Amino acid sequence: MPLLLLAVVMAILIYVPSLWVRRVMSKHSKELRELPGTGGELAKHLIERFNLSGIKVEQTSAQGDHFDPTAGAVRLSPNNFNGKSLTAIAVAAHEVGHAIQFQ
């Protein structure tokens, strides 16, 4: 019984935060026309602003949003690369943050 209870607690600690993040990102993924640029444009701007030489921004498909240090690339999903939403902006800034850490 204690092992089952521990497994349930561990499952909750692992999966609930992930579900919460997905819910919040989905909630804020609506297009905001008043934003001056897309997530991809913000990522390029931040790379230029922080002089991250050798880092490029690419649109990816199934791999999802990530920074690839071996290729020197910030990769954004189509919704975040082309999107004008709070989610697109936050994800782009997050991934460029990884590039800044790498530099």
C-alpha atoms as a PDB file:
ATOM      1  CA  MET A   1       0.000   0.000   0.000  1.00  0.00           C
ATOM      2  CA  PRO A   2       2.720   2.578   0.830  1.00  0.00           C
ATOM      3  CA  LEU A   3       4.388   1.835  -2.525  1.00  0.00           C
ATOM      4  CA  LEU A   4       1.125   2.479  -4.378  1.00  0.00           C
ATOM      5  CA  LEU A   5       0.624   5.739  -2.494  1.00  0.00           C
ATOM      6  CA  LEU A   6       4.190   6.809  -3.338  1.00  0.00           C
ATOM      7  CA  ALA A   7       3.599   5.986  -7.015  1.00  0.00           C
ATOM      8  CA  VAL A   8       0.409   8.069  -7.066  1.00  0.00           C
ATOM      9  CA  VAL A   9       2.137  11.036  -5.410  1.00  0.00           C
ATOM     10  CA  MET A  10       5.061  10.793  -7.849  1.00  0.00           C
ATOM     11  CA  ALA A  11       2.689  10.653 -10.829  1.00  0.00           C
ATOM     12  CA  ILE A  12       0.901  13.769  -9.574  1.00  0.00           C
ATOM     13  CA  LEU A  13       4.179  15.631  -9.030  1.00  0.00           C
ATOM     14  CA  ILE A  14       5.376  14.738 -12.521  1.00  0.00           C
ATOM     15  CA  TYR A  15       2.251  15.198 -14.657  1.00  0.00           C
ATOM     16  CA  VAL A  16       0.231  17.999 -13.021  1.00  0.00           C
ATOM     17  CA  PRO A  17       2.811  20.769 -13.644  1.00  0.00           C
ATOM     18  CA  SER A  18       3.097  19.712 -17.293  1.00  0.00           C
ATOM     19  CA  LEU A  19      -0.669  19.796 -17.722  1.00  0.00           C
ATOM     20  CA  TRP A  20      -0.839  23.224 -16.071  1.00  0.00           C
ATOM     21  CA  VAL A  21       1.851  24.653 -18.406  1.00  0.00           C
ATOM     22  CA  ARG A  22       0.039  23.284 -21.473  1.00  0.00           C
ATOM     23  CA  ARG A  23      -3.233  24.787 -20.267  1.00  0.00           C
ATOM     24  CA  VAL A  24      -1.703  28.225 -19.689  1.00  0.00           C
ATOM     25  CA  MET A  25       0.109  28.183 -23.042  1.00  0.00           C
ATOM     26  CA  SER A  26      -3.076  27.158 -24.824  1.00  0.00           C
ATOM     27  CA  LYS A  27      -5.029  29.898 -23.060  1.00  0.00           C
ATOM     28  CA  HIS A  28      -2.595  32.576 -24.278  1.00  0.00           C
ATOM     29  CA  SER A  29      -2.097  31.299 -27.832  1.00  0.00           C
ATOM     30  CA  LYS A  30      -4.745  33.593 -29.340  1.00  0.00           C
ATOM     31  CA  GLU A  31      -3.500  35.943 -32.050  1.00  0.00           C
ATOM     32  CA  LEU A  32      -2.980  39.530 -30.889  1.00  0.00           C
ATOM     33  CA  ARG A  33      -3.001  41.815 -33.897  1.00  0.00           C
ATOM     34  CA  GLU A  34      -1.525  44.701 -31.927  1.00  0.00           C
ATOM     35  CA  LEU A  35       1.780  42.871 -31.388  1.00  0.00           C
ATOM     36  CA  PRO A  36       4.418  44.415 -33.652  1.00  0.00           C
ATOM     37  CA  GLY A  37       6.054  41.125 -34.648  1.00  0.00           C
ATOM     38  CA  THR A  38       5.993  37.352 -34.584  1.00  0.00           C
ATOM     39  CA  GLY A  39       7.825  34.959 -32.300  1.00  0.00           C
ATOM     40  CA  GLY A  40      10.395  34.304 -35.013  1.00  0.00           C
ATOM     41  CA  GLU A  41      10.992  38.019 -35.506  1.00  0.00           C
ATOM     42  CA  LEU A  42      11.455  38.511 -31.760  1.00  0.00           C
ATOM     43  CA  ALA A  43      13.943  35.632 -31.630  1.00  0.00           C
ATOM     44  CA  LYS A  44      15.961  37.185 -34.487  1.00  0.00           C
ATOM     45  CA  HIS A  45      15.815  40.600 -32.812  1.00  0.00           C
ATOM     46  CA  LEU A  46      17.062  39.197 -29.491  1.00  0.00           C
ATOM     47  CA  ILE A  47      19.880  37.300 -31.192  1.00  0.00           C
ATOM     48  CA  GLU A  48      21.008  40.516 -32.876  1.00  0.00           C
ATOM     49  CA  ARG A  49      20.491  42.578 -29.704  1.00  0.00           C
ATOM     50  CA  PHE A  50      22.693  40.273 -27.611  1.00  0.00           C
ATOM     51  CA  ASN A  51      25.267  39.754 -30.391  1.00  0.00           C
ATOM     52  CA  LEU A  52      24.879  35.967 -30.459  1.00  0.00           C
ATOM     53  CA  SER A  53      27.151  35.234 -33.388  1.00  0.00           C
ATOM     54  CA  GLY A  54      26.567  31.959 -35.189  1.00  0.00           C
ATOM     55  CA  ILE A  55      23.027  31.502 -33.835  1.00  0.00           C
ATOM     56  CA  LYS A  56      20.194  31.307 -36.351  1.00  0.00           C
ATOM     57  CA  VAL A  57      16.424  31.016 -36.063  1.00  0.00           C
ATOM     58  CA  GLU A  58      14.639  28.225 -37.904  1.00  0.00           C
ATOM     59  CA  GLN A  59      11.097  26.977 -38.218  1.00  0.00           C
ATOM     60  CA  THR A  60      10.710  23.329 -37.281  1.00  0.00           C
ATOM     61  CA  SER A  61       7.790  20.964 -37.521  1.00  0.00           C
ATOM     62  CA  ALA A  62       7.422  17.897 -35.352  1.00  0.00           C
ATOM     63  CA  GLN A  63      10.483  18.381 -33.137  1.00  0.00           C
ATOM     64  CA  GLY A  64       8.928  21.238 -31.232  1.00  0.00           C
ATOM     65  CA  ASP A  65      10.511  24.354 -29.816  1.00  0.00           C
ATOM     66  CA  HIS A  66      14.116  24.010 -28.695  1.00  0.00           C
ATOM     67  CA  PHE A  67      17.643  25.369 -28.905  1.00  0.00           C
ATOM     68  CA  ASP A  68      20.114  23.069 -30.651  1.00  0.00           C
ATOM     69  CA  PRO A  69      23.621  23.952 -29.444  1.00  0.00           C
ATOM     70  CA  THR A  70      25.333  21.617 -31.913  1.00  0.00           C
ATOM     71  CA  ALA A  71      23.728  23.390 -34.891  1.00  0.00           C
ATOM     72  CA  GLY A  72      23.629  26.827 -33.281  1.00  0.00           C
ATOM     73  CA  ALA A  73      19.914  27.135 -33.989  1.00  0.00           C
ATOM     74  CA  VAL A  74      16.831  28.296 -32.141  1.00  0.00           C
ATOM     75  CA  ARG A  75      14.038  26.177 -33.585  1.00  0.00           C
ATOM     76  CA  LEU A  76      10.411  27.235 -33.227  1.00  0.00           C
ATOM     77  CA  SER A  77       7.238  25.396 -34.196  1.00  0.00           C
ATOM     78  CA  PRO A  78       5.154  27.026 -36.968  1.00  0.00           C
ATOM     79  CA  ASN A  79       2.642  28.467 -34.482  1.00  0.00           C
ATOM     80  CA  ASN A  80       5.393  30.113 -32.441  1.00  0.00           C
ATOM     81  CA  PHE A  81       7.579  31.100 -35.405  1.00  0.00           C
ATOM     82  CA  ASN A  82       4.757  32.818 -37.314  1.00  0.00           C
ATOM     83  CA  GLY A  83       2.429  33.563 -34.415  1.00  0.00           C
ATOM     84  CA  LYS A  84       1.587  36.879 -32.799  1.00  0.00           C
ATOM     85  CA  SER A  85       0.504  35.621 -29.401  1.00  0.00           C
ATOM     86  CA  LEU A  86       1.805  35.804 -25.857  1.00  0.00           C
ATOM     87  CA  THR A  87       2.703  32.125 -26.111  1.00  0.00           C
ATOM     88  CA  ALA A  88       4.740  32.676 -29.289  1.00  0.00           C
ATOM     89  CA  ILE A  89       6.603  35.591 -27.726  1.00  0.00           C
ATOM     90  CA  ALA A  90       7.264  33.756 -24.444  1.00  0.00           C
ATOM     91  CA  VAL A  91       8.483  30.584 -26.175  1.00  0.00           C
ATOM     92  CA  ALA A  92      10.758  32.539 -28.529  1.00  0.00           C
ATOM     93  CA  ALA A  93      12.282  34.488 -25.633  1.00  0.00           C
ATOM     94  CA  HIS A  94      12.698  31.278 -23.628  1.00  0.00           C
ATOM     95  CA  GLU A  95      14.553  29.485 -26.405  1.00  0.00           C
ATOM     96  CA  VAL A  96      16.806  32.486 -27.076  1.00  0.00           C
ATOM     97  CA  GLY A  97      17.514  32.450 -23.341  1.00  0.00           C
ATOM     98  CA  HIS A  98      19.009  28.985 -23.806  1.00  0.00           C
ATOM     99  CA  ALA A  99      21.211  30.379 -26.604  1.00  0.00           C
ATOM    100  CA  ILE A 100      22.348  33.181 -24.294  1.00  0.00           C
ATOM    101  CA  GLN A 101      23.241  30.609 -21.628  1.00  0.00           C
ATOM    102  CA  PHE A 102      25.180  28.627 -24.232  1.00  0.00           C
ATOM    103  CA  GLN A 103      27.204  31.675 -25.274  1.00  0.00           C
END
